[in-house]
Amino acid sequence: MTLAGKTAVVTGASSGIGEATARLLAQEGCNVVLAARREDRLNALADELGEWALAAPADVRDPAACAALVARTVERFGTLDVLVNNAGLGLYGSIPEGDPEDWRKMFDVNVLGVLYTTRAAVRQMLRQGSGDVVFISSLAGRRVPRADGTVYAATKHAVNAIADGLRMDVHEKGVRVINVEPGL
């Protein structure tokens, strides 16, 4: 599959895997919509990548922001061909000693944020009759690597379930679902 001329949204594009993915997509000729909360970093990356990159600050914890992200993408580029669900948060602590607020933050970003962004993007892809949804999960979504990573692993298990269920729902409707599980 050629990526030239396709339009991709990358969440969590301000650093790490998201930034590297956005760079690679731009190098392959994609229009790239850079989504994250750190606007200054998105603007700097968009300036570096050129006119086919759009900095689109968005908080994936907000369903309305995710819908607006997709609308802005389609307004600018006319289509949404690829969603890379990369935004994520890893906060570690054992269950007896962990902070419930950290748990909530991880579920808000890693699970609900993925659902909100996916819902908005897939609705557009179904209207188009095509698209690719890429989930950046983790090997922790297959097994808990250590006791202080239990809750993080639970969020990544959820991402894997979301990907599996979405695949069942849309695979015959022109939307592909891909799950990537990086390790350390």
Protein backbone atom coordinates (compact mmCIF):
# COMPACT_ATOMS: atom_id res chain seq x y z
CA MET A 1 0.00 0.00 0.00
CA THR A 2 1.33 3.41 -0.88
CA LEU A 3 0.93 6.14 1.68
CA ALA A 4 1.59 9.05 -0.67
CA GLY A 5 -1.38 11.39 -0.71
CA LYS A 6 -3.16 9.65 2.19
CA THR A 7 -4.18 11.57 5.29
CA ALA A 8 -3.23 10.27 8.73
CA VAL A 9 -4.08 11.48 12.22
CA VAL A 10 -1.51 10.58 14.87
CA THR A 11 -2.49 11.03 18.51
CA GLY A 12 0.28 11.53 21.02
CA ALA A 13 2.35 13.06 18.21
CA SER A 14 4.29 15.46 20.42
CA SER A 15 6.92 12.88 21.48
CA GLY A 16 8.08 9.28 21.42
CA ILE A 17 6.41 6.71 19.19
CA GLY A 18 3.82 9.24 18.01
CA GLU A 19 6.41 11.76 16.88
CA ALA A 20 8.48 9.06 15.16
CA THR A 21 5.36 7.71 13.43
CA ALA A 22 4.36 11.18 12.22
CA ARG A 23 7.84 11.75 10.82
CA LEU A 24 7.80 8.45 8.95
CA LEU A 25 4.31 9.04 7.55
CA ALA A 26 5.34 12.50 6.32
CA GLN A 27 8.48 11.01 4.77
CA GLU A 28 6.25 8.54 2.91
CA GLY A 29 4.17 11.41 1.46
CA CYS A 30 1.23 11.43 3.86
CA ASN A 31 -0.66 14.48 4.97
CA VAL A 32 -0.15 14.24 8.73
CA VAL A 33 -2.41 15.68 11.40
CA LEU A 34 -0.48 15.96 14.65
CA ALA A 35 -2.67 15.61 17.73
CA ALA A 36 -1.61 15.95 21.37
CA ARG A 37 -2.01 18.41 24.23
CA ARG A 38 1.42 20.08 23.96
CA GLU A 39 0.70 22.69 21.32
CA ASP A 40 4.22 24.16 21.26
CA ARG A 41 5.76 20.80 20.40
CA LEU A 42 3.11 20.10 17.75
CA ASN A 43 3.69 23.47 16.12
CA ALA A 44 7.45 22.93 16.03
CA LEU A 45 7.02 19.48 14.47
CA ALA A 46 4.48 20.74 11.93
CA ASP A 47 6.84 23.56 10.93
CA GLU A 48 9.63 21.03 10.48
CA LEU A 49 7.49 18.60 8.43
CA GLY A 50 6.15 21.29 6.11
CA GLU A 51 2.89 22.33 4.51
CA TRP A 52 1.33 18.85 4.52
CA ALA A 53 1.49 18.66 8.31
CA LEU A 54 -1.19 20.19 10.51
CA ALA A 55 -0.76 20.80 14.24
CA ALA A 56 -4.15 20.05 15.79
CA PRO A 57 -3.98 20.29 19.58
CA ALA A 58 -6.53 17.94 21.10
CA ASP A 59 -7.18 16.21 24.39
CA VAL A 60 -8.29 12.64 23.66
CA ARG A 61 -10.06 12.54 27.04
CA ASP A 62 -12.72 14.83 25.55
CA PRO A 63 -15.14 13.20 23.06
CA ALA A 64 -16.04 16.59 21.55
CA ALA A 65 -12.35 17.37 20.98
CA CYS A 66 -11.94 14.03 19.18
CA ALA A 67 -14.91 14.74 16.93
CA ALA A 68 -13.52 18.22 16.22
CA LEU A 69 -10.12 16.71 15.39
CA VAL A 70 -11.67 14.48 12.73
CA ALA A 71 -13.79 17.35 11.37
CA ARG A 72 -10.73 19.62 11.13
CA THR A 73 -8.79 16.87 9.36
CA VAL A 74 -11.49 16.34 6.75
CA GLU A 75 -11.97 20.10 6.32
CA ARG A 76 -8.26 20.59 5.62
CA PHE A 77 -7.44 17.46 3.62
CA GLY A 78 -10.81 16.14 2.41
CA THR A 79 -10.41 12.67 3.89
CA LEU A 80 -9.16 10.63 6.83
CA ASP A 81 -7.40 7.48 5.69
CA VAL A 82 -5.38 6.41 8.74
CA LEU A 83 -5.81 6.88 12.47
CA VAL A 84 -2.83 6.02 14.67
CA ASN A 85 -4.13 5.71 18.23
CA ASN A 86 -0.89 6.36 20.03
CA ALA A 87 -1.71 8.74 22.91
CA GLY A 88 -1.00 6.93 26.14
CA LEU A 89 0.07 7.30 29.72
CA GLY A 90 2.03 4.93 31.94
CA LEU A 91 1.98 5.56 35.69
CA TYR A 92 3.27 2.77 37.85
CA GLY A 93 2.47 1.60 41.35
CA SER A 94 1.31 -1.59 43.01
CA ILE A 95 -2.36 -2.05 43.75
CA PRO A 96 -1.91 -1.81 47.56
CA GLU A 97 0.30 1.28 47.27
CA GLY A 98 -0.94 2.76 43.97
CA ASP A 99 -2.72 6.06 43.57
CA PRO A 100 -6.33 5.69 42.39
CA GLU A 101 -6.03 9.10 40.70
CA ASP A 102 -3.18 7.73 38.57
CA TRP A 103 -5.38 4.77 37.65
CA ARG A 104 -8.18 7.09 36.56
CA LYS A 105 -5.78 9.19 34.48
CA MET A 106 -4.49 6.10 32.68
CA PHE A 107 -7.97 4.75 31.94
CA ASP A 108 -9.11 8.19 30.76
CA VAL A 109 -6.26 8.46 28.22
CA ASN A 110 -5.42 4.85 27.38
CA VAL A 111 -8.96 3.45 27.17
CA LEU A 112 -11.58 6.19 26.95
CA GLY A 113 -9.34 8.40 24.78
CA VAL A 114 -8.84 5.51 22.37
CA LEU A 115 -12.59 4.89 22.26
CA TYR A 116 -13.46 8.55 21.69
CA THR A 117 -10.89 9.04 18.95
CA THR A 118 -11.71 5.73 17.27
CA ARG A 119 -15.44 6.43 17.28
CA ALA A 120 -14.99 9.80 15.59
CA ALA A 121 -12.51 8.49 13.02
CA VAL A 122 -14.35 5.27 12.19
CA ARG A 123 -17.60 7.14 11.57
CA GLN A 124 -15.76 9.16 8.91
CA MET A 125 -14.06 6.08 7.47
CA LEU A 126 -17.37 4.24 7.19
CA ARG A 127 -18.85 7.20 5.30
CA GLN A 128 -15.84 7.01 2.93
CA GLY A 129 -15.98 3.22 2.70
CA SER A 130 -12.32 2.81 3.65
CA GLY A 131 -9.68 3.49 6.25
CA ASP A 132 -7.08 2.02 8.57
CA VAL A 133 -7.17 2.22 12.35
CA VAL A 134 -3.86 1.47 14.05
CA PHE A 135 -3.78 0.87 17.79
CA ILE A 136 -0.47 1.26 19.61
CA SER A 137 -0.93 -1.15 22.47
CA SER A 138 1.88 -2.92 24.32
CA LEU A 139 3.21 -6.35 25.12
CA ALA A 140 1.76 -5.51 28.53
CA GLY A 141 -1.59 -6.00 26.83
CA ARG A 142 -0.79 -9.72 26.67
CA ARG A 143 0.74 -10.25 30.11
CA VAL A 144 1.46 -8.18 33.19
CA PRO A 145 5.23 -7.57 33.15
CA ARG A 146 5.60 -6.69 36.83
CA ALA A 147 3.42 -5.99 39.87
CA ASP A 148 3.74 -2.20 39.70
CA GLY A 149 2.52 -2.25 36.09
CA THR A 150 -0.76 -4.06 36.73
CA VAL A 151 -3.09 -1.14 36.05
CA TYR A 152 -1.14 0.03 32.99
CA ALA A 153 -1.31 -3.54 31.67
CA ALA A 154 -5.06 -3.58 32.31
CA THR A 155 -5.45 -0.51 30.09
CA LYS A 156 -3.46 -2.17 27.32
CA HIS A 157 -5.50 -5.38 27.66
CA ALA A 158 -8.52 -3.12 27.11
CA VAL A 159 -6.92 -1.60 23.99
CA ASN A 160 -6.41 -5.10 22.59
CA ALA A 161 -10.08 -5.94 23.28
CA ILE A 162 -11.19 -2.69 21.61
CA ALA A 163 -9.11 -3.53 18.54
CA ASP A 164 -10.46 -7.09 18.40
CA GLY A 165 -14.08 -5.99 18.75
CA LEU A 166 -13.74 -3.16 16.24
CA ARG A 167 -12.17 -5.54 13.74
CA MET A 168 -15.22 -7.82 14.03
CA ASP A 169 -17.51 -4.84 13.52
CA VAL A 170 -15.90 -3.10 10.53
CA HIS A 171 -13.69 -5.57 8.66
CA GLU A 172 -16.33 -6.18 5.98
CA LYS A 173 -17.08 -2.46 5.66
CA GLY A 174 -13.74 -1.35 4.22
CA VAL A 175 -11.99 -0.42 7.46
CA ARG A 176 -8.88 -2.34 8.49
CA VAL A 177 -7.83 -2.62 12.12
CA ILE A 178 -4.19 -3.10 13.07
CA ASN A 179 -2.85 -3.65 16.58
CA VAL A 180 0.84 -2.98 17.30
CA GLU A 181 2.28 -4.20 20.60
CA PRO A 182 5.72 -2.70 21.26
CA GLY A 183 7.83 -3.85 24.16
CA LEU A 184 10.43 -1.92 26.09
